Amino acid sequence: MAVTFVRSIPANGARNVSLTPVIQTFFDKNVVNDSVWENNREEFDLVRNEIIIPINVTRIPDTVDFDRRREIFIQPVNSLRPNTSYGLVIKKNLTSKSGETLGKQIRISFTTRGITPEE
């Protein structure tokens, strides 16, 4: 069976997302094990109008917290633009510890919040 994308925070279609988000992605299998981590950290792109935005992809190793083995975190290196649409692309070769892949590309779209007068 393939790895299944379960959900993300923020969810697909979210609005008013922070300009410095930590995007949590959740899967149904262990995707952070050392045996697959080097591959999986390259399986994410954050895009704005198809321009790739620099990101950090992190995990909590399954040896540290086994209950977090299905979570991967994505954070832009720099603040995002206000009132702007972004897409997080999860590529099809994301792999579980047991060797199964996502098998299809997933795209999560969200829009950042606006600037408030005090910023």
N, C-alpha and C. Protein backbone atom coordinates (compact mmCIF):
# COMPACT_ATOMS: atom_id res chain seq x y z
N MET A 1 0.83 -1.19 0.00
CA MET A 1 0.00 0.00 0.00
C MET A 1 0.88 1.25 0.00
N ALA A 2 0.38 2.30 -0.59
CA ALA A 2 1.11 3.55 -0.68
C ALA A 2 1.05 4.31 0.64
N VAL A 3 1.99 5.23 0.79
CA VAL A 3 1.91 6.19 1.90
C VAL A 3 0.72 7.09 1.61
N THR A 4 -0.05 7.45 2.63
CA THR A 4 -1.19 8.33 2.45
C THR A 4 -0.96 9.64 3.18
N PHE A 5 -1.17 10.74 2.48
CA PHE A 5 -1.17 12.06 3.11
C PHE A 5 -2.46 12.17 3.91
N VAL A 6 -2.37 12.53 5.18
CA VAL A 6 -3.54 12.59 6.04
C VAL A 6 -4.09 14.01 6.14
N ARG A 7 -3.23 14.97 6.50
CA ARG A 7 -3.69 16.35 6.64
C ARG A 7 -2.48 17.26 6.82
N SER A 8 -2.76 18.55 6.84
CA SER A 8 -1.72 19.53 7.12
C SER A 8 -2.29 20.63 8.00
N ILE A 9 -1.40 21.30 8.70
CA ILE A 9 -1.73 22.52 9.44
C ILE A 9 -0.74 23.56 8.96
N PRO A 10 -1.18 24.60 8.26
CA PRO A 10 -2.56 24.93 7.91
C PRO A 10 -3.12 23.95 6.88
N ALA A 11 -4.44 23.86 6.85
CA ALA A 11 -5.12 22.97 5.93
C ALA A 11 -5.14 23.56 4.52
N ASN A 12 -5.38 22.71 3.54
CA ASN A 12 -5.53 23.18 2.17
C ASN A 12 -6.63 24.24 2.10
N GLY A 13 -6.35 25.36 1.46
CA GLY A 13 -7.32 26.43 1.33
C GLY A 13 -7.32 27.43 2.48
N ALA A 14 -6.44 27.25 3.46
CA ALA A 14 -6.42 28.14 4.63
C ALA A 14 -6.10 29.58 4.21
N ARG A 15 -6.66 30.52 4.97
CA ARG A 15 -6.40 31.94 4.77
C ARG A 15 -5.84 32.51 6.07
N ASN A 16 -5.27 33.70 5.97
CA ASN A 16 -4.70 34.39 7.14
C ASN A 16 -3.60 33.59 7.82
N VAL A 17 -2.80 32.88 7.01
CA VAL A 17 -1.69 32.09 7.53
C VAL A 17 -0.55 33.04 7.91
N SER A 18 0.14 32.73 8.97
CA SER A 18 1.27 33.52 9.44
C SER A 18 2.29 33.74 8.32
N LEU A 19 3.01 34.85 8.40
CA LEU A 19 4.07 35.12 7.42
C LEU A 19 5.32 34.30 7.72
N THR A 20 5.36 33.69 8.90
CA THR A 20 6.48 32.82 9.28
C THR A 20 5.93 31.47 9.78
N PRO A 21 5.22 30.75 8.92
CA PRO A 21 4.55 29.52 9.37
C PRO A 21 5.51 28.35 9.55
N VAL A 22 5.12 27.45 10.44
CA VAL A 22 5.70 26.12 10.48
C VAL A 22 4.57 25.21 10.02
N ILE A 23 4.71 24.70 8.81
CA ILE A 23 3.66 23.87 8.22
C ILE A 23 3.88 22.43 8.67
N GLN A 24 2.85 21.86 9.31
CA GLN A 24 2.93 20.47 9.75
C GLN A 24 2.22 19.59 8.72
N THR A 25 2.89 18.53 8.30
CA THR A 25 2.26 17.56 7.41
C THR A 25 2.19 16.23 8.15
N PHE A 26 1.09 15.52 7.94
CA PHE A 26 0.84 14.26 8.64
C PHE A 26 0.57 13.16 7.61
N PHE A 27 1.17 11.99 7.83
CA PHE A 27 1.03 10.85 6.95
C PHE A 27 0.58 9.65 7.76
N ASP A 28 0.23 8.57 7.08
CA ASP A 28 -0.26 7.39 7.79
C ASP A 28 0.83 6.38 8.13
N LYS A 29 2.08 6.68 7.75
CA LYS A 29 3.18 5.75 8.01
C LYS A 29 4.41 6.52 8.49
N ASN A 30 5.40 5.79 8.97
CA ASN A 30 6.65 6.39 9.43
C ASN A 30 7.42 6.95 8.23
N VAL A 31 7.56 8.28 8.20
CA VAL A 31 8.26 8.93 7.09
C VAL A 31 9.50 9.70 7.57
N VAL A 32 9.89 9.50 8.84
CA VAL A 32 11.03 10.23 9.39
C VAL A 32 12.20 9.33 9.78
N ASN A 33 12.07 8.04 9.61
CA ASN A 33 13.12 7.11 9.97
C ASN A 33 14.41 7.45 9.21
N ASP A 34 15.55 7.25 9.86
CA ASP A 34 16.84 7.56 9.23
C ASP A 34 17.01 6.91 7.86
N SER A 35 16.42 5.75 7.66
CA SER A 35 16.60 5.02 6.39
C SER A 35 15.96 5.74 5.20
N VAL A 36 14.99 6.64 5.45
CA VAL A 36 14.30 7.34 4.36
C VAL A 36 14.40 8.87 4.46
N TRP A 37 14.97 9.37 5.55
CA TRP A 37 14.93 10.80 5.80
C TRP A 37 15.66 11.63 4.75
N GLU A 38 16.84 11.21 4.31
CA GLU A 38 17.59 12.00 3.32
C GLU A 38 16.77 12.17 2.04
N ASN A 39 16.05 11.15 1.63
CA ASN A 39 15.16 11.26 0.48
C ASN A 39 13.98 12.18 0.79
N ASN A 40 13.31 11.94 1.90
CA ASN A 40 12.06 12.63 2.19
C ASN A 40 12.23 14.12 2.41
N ARG A 41 13.35 14.54 2.93
CA ARG A 41 13.52 15.98 3.15
C ARG A 41 13.64 16.74 1.84
N GLU A 42 13.87 16.04 0.74
CA GLU A 42 13.95 16.66 -0.59
C GLU A 42 12.63 16.58 -1.35
N GLU A 43 11.62 16.01 -0.74
CA GLU A 43 10.35 15.77 -1.42
C GLU A 43 9.31 16.87 -1.20
N PHE A 44 9.75 18.06 -0.79
CA PHE A 44 8.85 19.18 -0.55
C PHE A 44 9.34 20.42 -1.29
N ASP A 45 8.42 21.16 -1.89
CA ASP A 45 8.71 22.47 -2.46
C ASP A 45 7.63 23.42 -2.00
N LEU A 46 8.04 24.63 -1.64
CA LEU A 46 7.09 25.71 -1.37
C LEU A 46 7.18 26.66 -2.55
N VAL A 47 6.04 26.94 -3.19
CA VAL A 47 6.07 27.75 -4.40
C VAL A 47 5.10 28.93 -4.32
N ARG A 48 5.50 30.00 -4.98
CA ARG A 48 4.66 31.18 -5.19
C ARG A 48 4.73 31.47 -6.68
N ASN A 49 3.62 31.35 -7.38
CA ASN A 49 3.61 31.53 -8.84
C ASN A 49 4.68 30.67 -9.51
N GLU A 50 4.81 29.45 -9.04
CA GLU A 50 5.75 28.46 -9.56
C GLU A 50 7.22 28.81 -9.31
N ILE A 51 7.48 29.84 -8.51
CA ILE A 51 8.84 30.16 -8.07
C ILE A 51 9.07 29.40 -6.77
N ILE A 52 10.17 28.66 -6.69
CA ILE A 52 10.46 27.87 -5.49
C ILE A 52 11.02 28.78 -4.40
N ILE A 53 10.42 28.70 -3.22
CA ILE A 53 10.81 29.49 -2.05
C ILE A 53 11.72 28.62 -1.17
N PRO A 54 12.85 29.14 -0.69
CA PRO A 54 13.73 28.34 0.18
C PRO A 54 13.03 27.92 1.48
N ILE A 55 13.20 26.66 1.84
CA ILE A 55 12.56 26.11 3.04
C ILE A 55 13.54 25.25 3.83
N ASN A 56 13.18 25.06 5.09
CA ASN A 56 13.82 24.06 5.93
C ASN A 56 12.80 22.96 6.18
N VAL A 57 13.22 21.72 5.99
CA VAL A 57 12.34 20.56 6.21
C VAL A 57 12.92 19.81 7.40
N THR A 58 12.10 19.66 8.45
CA THR A 58 12.60 19.04 9.67
C THR A 58 11.66 17.94 10.17
N ARG A 59 12.15 17.21 11.14
CA ARG A 59 11.40 16.10 11.73
C ARG A 59 11.77 15.99 13.20
N ILE A 60 11.00 15.22 13.91
CA ILE A 60 11.39 14.75 15.24
C ILE A 60 11.71 13.27 15.01
N PRO A 61 12.98 12.86 15.13
CA PRO A 61 13.35 11.48 14.82
C PRO A 61 12.52 10.47 15.59
N ASP A 62 12.22 9.35 14.94
CA ASP A 62 11.40 8.31 15.59
C ASP A 62 12.12 7.69 16.78
N THR A 63 13.43 7.87 16.87
CA THR A 63 14.16 7.38 18.04
C THR A 63 13.97 8.30 19.23
N VAL A 64 13.54 9.55 18.98
CA VAL A 64 13.31 10.52 20.05
C VAL A 64 11.86 10.48 20.52
N ASP A 65 10.93 10.46 19.55
CA ASP A 65 9.50 10.44 19.89
C ASP A 65 8.77 9.61 18.84
N PHE A 66 8.58 8.33 19.13
CA PHE A 66 7.97 7.41 18.17
C PHE A 66 6.58 7.87 17.74
N ASP A 67 5.86 8.57 18.63
CA ASP A 67 4.51 9.03 18.30
C ASP A 67 4.50 10.13 17.24
N ARG A 68 5.64 10.75 16.94
CA ARG A 68 5.70 11.83 15.96
C ARG A 68 6.29 11.34 14.62
N ARG A 69 6.39 10.04 14.43
CA ARG A 69 7.06 9.46 13.25
C ARG A 69 6.33 9.70 11.94
N ARG A 70 5.12 10.21 12.00
CA ARG A 70 4.32 10.43 10.78
C ARG A 70 4.22 11.91 10.43
N GLU A 71 5.02 12.76 11.10
CA GLU A 71 4.95 14.21 10.91
C GLU A 71 6.24 14.75 10.31
N ILE A 72 6.09 15.67 9.35
CA ILE A 72 7.22 16.41 8.79
C ILE A 72 6.84 17.88 8.83
N PHE A 73 7.82 18.73 9.19
CA PHE A 73 7.60 20.15 9.35
C PHE A 73 8.34 20.93 8.26
N ILE A 74 7.67 21.92 7.70
CA ILE A 74 8.25 22.74 6.64
C ILE A 74 8.15 24.19 7.09
N GLN A 75 9.27 24.89 7.02
CA GLN A 75 9.29 26.30 7.41
C GLN A 75 10.08 27.09 6.38
N PRO A 76 9.49 28.19 5.88
CA PRO A 76 10.25 29.02 4.94
C PRO A 76 11.47 29.63 5.64
N VAL A 77 12.56 29.77 4.89
CA VAL A 77 13.78 30.36 5.43
C VAL A 77 13.55 31.83 5.79
N ASN A 78 12.79 32.54 4.95
CA ASN A 78 12.48 33.96 5.17
C ASN A 78 10.98 34.14 5.32
N SER A 79 10.57 35.29 5.85
CA SER A 79 9.14 35.59 5.97
C SER A 79 8.48 35.56 4.60
N LEU A 80 7.24 35.11 4.57
CA LEU A 80 6.47 35.11 3.33
C LEU A 80 5.85 36.49 3.10
N ARG A 81 5.38 36.70 1.89
CA ARG A 81 4.74 37.97 1.55
C ARG A 81 3.31 38.01 2.06
N PRO A 82 2.84 39.17 2.53
CA PRO A 82 1.46 39.28 2.99
C PRO A 82 0.46 39.17 1.84
N ASN A 83 -0.74 38.71 2.16
CA ASN A 83 -1.84 38.59 1.17
C ASN A 83 -1.40 37.89 -0.10
N THR A 84 -0.68 36.80 0.05
CA THR A 84 -0.12 36.10 -1.11
C THR A 84 -0.47 34.62 -1.04
N SER A 85 -0.76 34.05 -2.19
CA SER A 85 -1.06 32.61 -2.27
C SER A 85 0.21 31.81 -2.46
N TYR A 86 0.30 30.71 -1.74
CA TYR A 86 1.44 29.80 -1.81
C TYR A 86 0.92 28.38 -1.98
N GLY A 87 1.79 27.52 -2.49
CA GLY A 87 1.47 26.10 -2.58
C GLY A 87 2.61 25.28 -2.01
N LEU A 88 2.28 24.34 -1.16
CA LEU A 88 3.25 23.38 -0.68
C LEU A 88 3.07 22.12 -1.51
N VAL A 89 4.11 21.74 -2.22
CA VAL A 89 4.07 20.56 -3.07
C VAL A 89 4.79 19.42 -2.36
N ILE A 90 4.09 18.30 -2.21
CA ILE A 90 4.70 17.08 -1.68
C ILE A 90 4.86 16.15 -2.86
N LYS A 91 6.09 15.81 -3.17
CA LYS A 91 6.38 15.03 -4.37
C LYS A 91 6.06 13.55 -4.17
N LYS A 92 5.86 12.88 -5.28
CA LYS A 92 5.35 11.51 -5.27
C LYS A 92 6.31 10.47 -4.71
N ASN A 93 7.60 10.79 -4.60
CA ASN A 93 8.56 9.80 -4.11
C ASN A 93 8.80 9.84 -2.61
N LEU A 94 7.96 10.58 -1.86
CA LEU A 94 8.04 10.53 -0.40
C LEU A 94 7.86 9.06 -0.02
N THR A 95 8.73 8.55 0.84
CA THR A 95 8.79 7.11 1.10
C THR A 95 8.66 6.79 2.59
N SER A 96 7.95 5.72 2.88
CA SER A 96 7.83 5.26 4.27
C SER A 96 9.03 4.39 4.63
N LYS A 97 9.18 4.16 5.92
CA LYS A 97 10.24 3.28 6.42
C LYS A 97 10.18 1.91 5.76
N SER A 98 8.97 1.44 5.46
CA SER A 98 8.82 0.11 4.85
C SER A 98 8.95 0.12 3.33
N GLY A 99 9.27 1.30 2.74
CA GLY A 99 9.57 1.36 1.31
C GLY A 99 8.42 1.76 0.41
N GLU A 100 7.25 2.02 0.96
CA GLU A 100 6.13 2.45 0.12
C GLU A 100 6.26 3.94 -0.19
N THR A 101 5.79 4.37 -1.36
CA THR A 101 5.87 5.78 -1.74
C THR A 101 4.48 6.40 -1.78
N LEU A 102 4.47 7.72 -1.80
CA LEU A 102 3.22 8.47 -1.90
C LEU A 102 2.55 8.17 -3.24
N GLY A 103 3.37 8.08 -4.31
CA GLY A 103 2.85 7.65 -5.61
C GLY A 103 2.18 8.74 -6.44
N LYS A 104 1.87 9.87 -5.83
CA LYS A 104 1.27 10.98 -6.56
C LYS A 104 1.66 12.28 -5.86
N GLN A 105 1.68 13.34 -6.61
CA GLN A 105 2.00 14.64 -6.03
C GLN A 105 0.78 15.21 -5.30
N ILE A 106 1.02 15.82 -4.16
CA ILE A 106 -0.03 16.48 -3.36
C ILE A 106 0.31 17.97 -3.34
N ARG A 107 -0.70 18.82 -3.48
CA ARG A 107 -0.48 20.27 -3.39
C ARG A 107 -1.44 20.85 -2.36
N ILE A 108 -0.87 21.57 -1.40
CA ILE A 108 -1.64 22.25 -0.37
C ILE A 108 -1.51 23.74 -0.63
N SER A 109 -2.63 24.40 -0.84
CA SER A 109 -2.62 25.84 -1.12
C SER A 109 -3.07 26.62 0.10
N PHE A 110 -2.45 27.77 0.33
CA PHE A 110 -2.86 28.65 1.42
C PHE A 110 -2.51 30.09 1.07
N THR A 111 -3.14 31.01 1.78
CA THR A 111 -2.90 32.44 1.56
C THR A 111 -2.46 33.05 2.88
N THR A 112 -1.42 33.87 2.81
CA THR A 112 -0.92 34.52 4.02
C THR A 112 -1.82 35.69 4.43
N ARG A 113 -1.67 36.09 5.68
CA ARG A 113 -2.47 37.19 6.21
C ARG A 113 -1.93 38.52 5.69
N GLY A 114 -2.72 39.56 5.88
CA GLY A 114 -2.28 40.90 5.52
C GLY A 114 -1.44 41.52 6.60
N ILE A 115 -0.89 42.68 6.29
CA ILE A 115 -0.11 43.44 7.27
C ILE A 115 -1.08 44.30 8.09
N THR A 116 -0.89 44.30 9.38
CA THR A 116 -1.72 45.16 10.24
C THR A 116 -0.97 46.48 10.45
N PRO A 117 -1.68 47.55 10.78
CA PRO A 117 -1.05 48.88 10.90
C PRO A 117 0.15 48.94 11.85
N GLU A 118 0.15 48.12 12.90
CA GLU A 118 1.26 48.20 13.85
C GLU A 118 2.52 47.47 13.38
N GLU A 119 2.47 46.82 12.23
CA GLU A 119 3.65 46.09 11.76
C GLU A 119 4.56 46.96 10.93
